[in-house]
Amino acid sequence: MKAKTFPILATLLLVSNSLLFSQNDWENPRVFKINREDARATFFSFDSEQQAITGDLNANANIKTLNGKWKFNYVGRASQRPTDFYKTDYDVSSWDDIDVPSNWELSGYGYPHYLNVEYPFKRNQPYIADEYSPVGSYVTFFNLPASWKDKEVFIEFGSVKSGYYLWINGNKVGYSQDSKLPSEFNITKYLVEGENRLAVQVFQFTDGSYLEDQDFWRISGIQRDVRLYARNKLHVADFFARTSLSDNYQNGVLDLNVLIKNYNSKNVSKHNLAYKIEDALGDVIASESAVVGVKKNASEAVNFKHVISDVEQWSAEIPNLYRLTIVLSDQNNRALEYISTKIGFRSVEIKGGQLLVNGQPILLKGVNRHEHDMHYGHVVDEKMMRKDLELMKQHNFNAVRTSHYPNNPVWYKLCDEYGIYLYDEANVESHGYGYAREHTLANKPEWEAAHIERIMNMAKRDKNHPSIIVWSMGNEAGTGPTMLNAYKMLKEFDDSRVVSYERAEMETDVKERHTDIVGLMYWSVKSLKKYWVGRDPDRPFIWAEYSHAMGNSNGHFQDYWDFVESERQVQGGFIWDWVDQGLAKYDEHGKLYWTYGGHYEPEGINHDGNFCLNGVINADRTVHPAIYEIKKVYQNIGFSNLDIDKNKITIKNKYFFKNTEYYLFNWEIVADGKIIQQAPLVVLSSINPQEEKIVDLDINKLDLNKYNEVLFNIYAVNMKETIGVPFGHIVASEQFIIKEADLKPDFYKGDKKVTVSENKNEILLSGENFSIKFDKNINAINSYILNDYEILEAPLTANFWRAPTDNDYGNGMQKRCAAWKNIVEESKNYKHEIVTTADSSIVLKTSQILNNNYGTLDIDYQIAGNGQIIVSYKYTPSDTTISEIPVIGMKMQLKKSINKLQYYGRGPMENYIDRNSASFIGLYNSTVQGQYYPYARPQENGYKTDTRYLSLTNIFNLGIRVDAIDNSLCFSALHYSIAELDEGPKKRLRTIKDVKEGNFTELRIDHKMMGLGGDDSWGSKPYNIHRIFPNKTYSYSFCITPLL
């Protein structure tokens, strides 16, 4: 134990050279705090040990929440703000009421403004133009408990955006910036008995806003909890429970530093400071105490070190936590206060070019997460945080980057508990100034203190959380000497973690390393192989952002992880991002839809549209279809080498700390859509982390000749409920094809005849219980009558188009490929020929020359006597230099009542050629309504690949069945047309409520559709292997059979 005495440092007011900038604090980068308390760890003291363990702040007599209704005044210009409202005689009774916490824009003041890179005000650092400089003034009143007399009273604001002044009873207390960290003030000397008046004036924009240029809604106000708390004159002011592992990662090392402050006017001696550590069973495994004395108005640092043998390590896989309780007692051994928190023992280091946790080269299966609530903006409660964590754990995420700022302190406590690795990121982003040396604020000396204050205060607040393994110094803020100095300070402050900064060593003269991890954003696998692999043997690569999840996206995700698992220094990354930042609105029928940039901003104000809708889940926490693919790729148990003859399969445990005893395994054999065998899989002994084992299967002898297609599915499920993951939840799965389908549907061989008649405009083909009309003017079947019931609403025609996705708009597909959109309708050069076959069926041969030398389309329709139609499609390109083709396929519209769907193919969620590994082949029953996925900005959705057959019927089971011939099909069936989902050459701010459900079922029957892509949403195309180039002939066939 060591003790060090030093005087309490007065809070430093950084005003030197302020006249170089402005007389206004909010326009001076050297002024970011006045009288604010030093940053500290998140904790509260309690009067009893049991209260401290329970941690119920509402039951703590020393804490008083100020959340609730406050009086509020809003002005659009700082020059119009009230300047004397803080005075005790100023009447605010006529002011509005506003909730605290809240964002004032979501309460009807000003407007929500979404921007990505651009600042929401005129760029002229450090100044804020008065023409748009909103200010919110708040007033509330409170009384103090009598028990707080003779105590030090503090006020804490969890988050205020972006800068504010505080007054108590007419007295100016101080000023603070940094919208995402708490600010605390000692207000003891300003308080009175009885009612106290609290006034706060919040500036939406300050010089600090130049460091808060993140990609999110620019909304303001008091947006986290406000509370008062009382402390004894002598109390624990801060502590740092630094943990690590020793002796080959077996023993836990606690380095506990406790800071005690004495606000008394006399020295204090012979007090006792003690701590203890308890395991999950409540057994004390370590304890120490020290006699302390603290001089008047001074502080004392007390240090303890202890080694715990055979400690239970913390990891995201097994988040073992211990309870640390600190007790400060007086000279009579009477406890003055109790502080209790959970800590975890783990080590973090870079060794051999890899990031190691507890000695293991973990893989970060991560996602970036903004704090967002669709109703309350940046005000996110614990219930929502738990929902996020449950979804993450259930979908195999193990890491989060707190993009791009420190989160609510509750988040870190929950991540410790649930088991999530964290990149904790400082509230530093100046993207609007770019990265060039002469412009970036990170290269300007007058901004250095503001950068470092934010970075170090984050570390000081969050230092006790084992979930944080990496400190991130910010996002897209350029670099320079400032970031190098911050890196060094962080490393000196905390050697138990590593430091990352994506922009480090880029576009700067500062070549000294100032990141421990290389984290380039959105680099493709191809680029990394070419420019990074093998060139930096000392540092790992972890994408700070990758797989941009905007709208219908996250294509080729498996390709990323094939690369990760093959390169030892590539250790994963963070998908951009977790949740769509849509704001909730309701239409006239009460139906929810989500709004985005452009729906609130006044005309002429720049915005970035739906670029805030990048989540793998919706704003209401329902999931996007892509999350299932991510879950599958991120799974930590792998299956391979199925040998059906020897009844064996290989199982690999990809976890680093967990063995497979936590899971049950079961398998099933599915033949032609039906389960014919299933059983639990007995793994005789648990498979250790990072090991694999060949396991025996108890499969009865199969007669494969009895079935067309035979599949083997295997699952690993949770053996018992764990935090966030229920019992029986599937954590890993795989599908193997034992026997591949022979796609030869039953063709009609009977003696029913087809009658043909023809006139100038149409060809009529009819038989028993059916008739078909072919319209020569549009080169398409436009009528299909079954049992005197017309099933078509629109003709069966070729189609080369899809409603553009966000990625399509980003790479210009809607313009580059525009000629394909209406080319079938616009090309009028047709030929038709009727041929009678030996089996009495009729073949209608059609040929269409596409405009502008785009090729030839040959489609044959073979009509049998029962109304069956075999469609043979061939597209032959003429010019290989034209753009790629979005779709090769056909479409038609059926009556809306034909909406009962059964299909045998990949499902049940939508899937695409580059995002379908999680969609197992199976027999699925649904409705057409159930096929539509309501992306917040409408676009292509609901697709299915590798389809063997599908049927669509009405309530009387009348309809059609479509069978693939030779090769599987792709399809979609929606009550929305491609045209209805297509916004045209540019996006038009549409939402769910702007697309209208049609009075039809639009069925697309495709050979293929190009992939989704997803490296980014502003230029990258799908991988070439998933694109359709006009360099060869494309042909496919399918059979339409009437269901009567």
Foldseek 3Di string as FASTA:
>chain_A
DDKDWDFDDFDDAQCPPQVVWDPDLLQALRGAKDQWDAFFADWDWAQDPVCQVVVDQVPGLFKFFPWDKWFKDKDFFPVPDDDQCQAPPRDRVVGDIDTPPFFVQLVPGDHKFFAAQAQLADDDGPDGDRNGKMKMKTKDKDAHDPVQPQWWKKKKQAFFAAKKWKDKNRHTFMIHGDGHHMIMHGCVVRDDHDMMMIMMMGINHGSCVLFQNHRFISTGGRAEIMMMGTAHQKDWPHKFFFWEADDLLFKIKTKMKIKIFHQDPAKAFQKKKKKFKAFPVRDTQDMDMDTDIHGHNIMMIDIDMDMGGRDDAAALVRLGKIKMKMFIGGNVRNTRIIHIDIFGHWFWDFDQQATDISHHRAFALAFEDEQAAQSRGNRHDPVNLLLLLLLCVLLQGAEYEPPADAHRPVNLRVCSVNHHAYAHHFSGANSNQAAALVGFPQNPVSNLVVLLSRQVSSCNHHNRRPSYQEYESGAHRYHHVSLQVSLVVVCVVHVRHFYAYARPCPNYPPNPDRHQAHAHELDDPVRCVVPPPPPCRRHAYEHQEFQFQAFPGSFQVLVVLVSCVVGSRHRYYHYHHAEQNFHWDADPVRDIFTFDRPPIDPPPRDHDFRSSGRHQAYSVRHGHLLSLLSSASSFQKDKDDQDPVQQKIKIFGQDDADWLPQKWKKKFKAFPFHTPDIDTFDDPDIAGHGDMDIGGHPDDDDDPVVGQWMKMKMFIFGCADDSSHHGGSTRYMAMDTPHDGQQDDDDDQDQWAWDWDDDDFWIWIDTPQWIWIAGLQLRFTAFIGGNNRTFFPGTKDWAQDFADGLLCLQAQVCPQVVCRHCQSRVFRAKDWDWDADPSNWIKIWMKTQTPPQQFIKIWIWTADNQGKTKIKIKTAGRDQPGDFTQFGWIKTWTAQLQWKKKWFAFDDAAAAPRRGRSGDGHIDTDTQAVQDDFRFQFTDGSKTPQTQKMWTGGPVRWGKIKGWHRGGKMKHKHQFDSVQRHCHSDHDSDGSVSGDRHRTIMMITGPHGADRHRSDSNHDDGPPVRIGTNPGMDMTMMMMGTGD
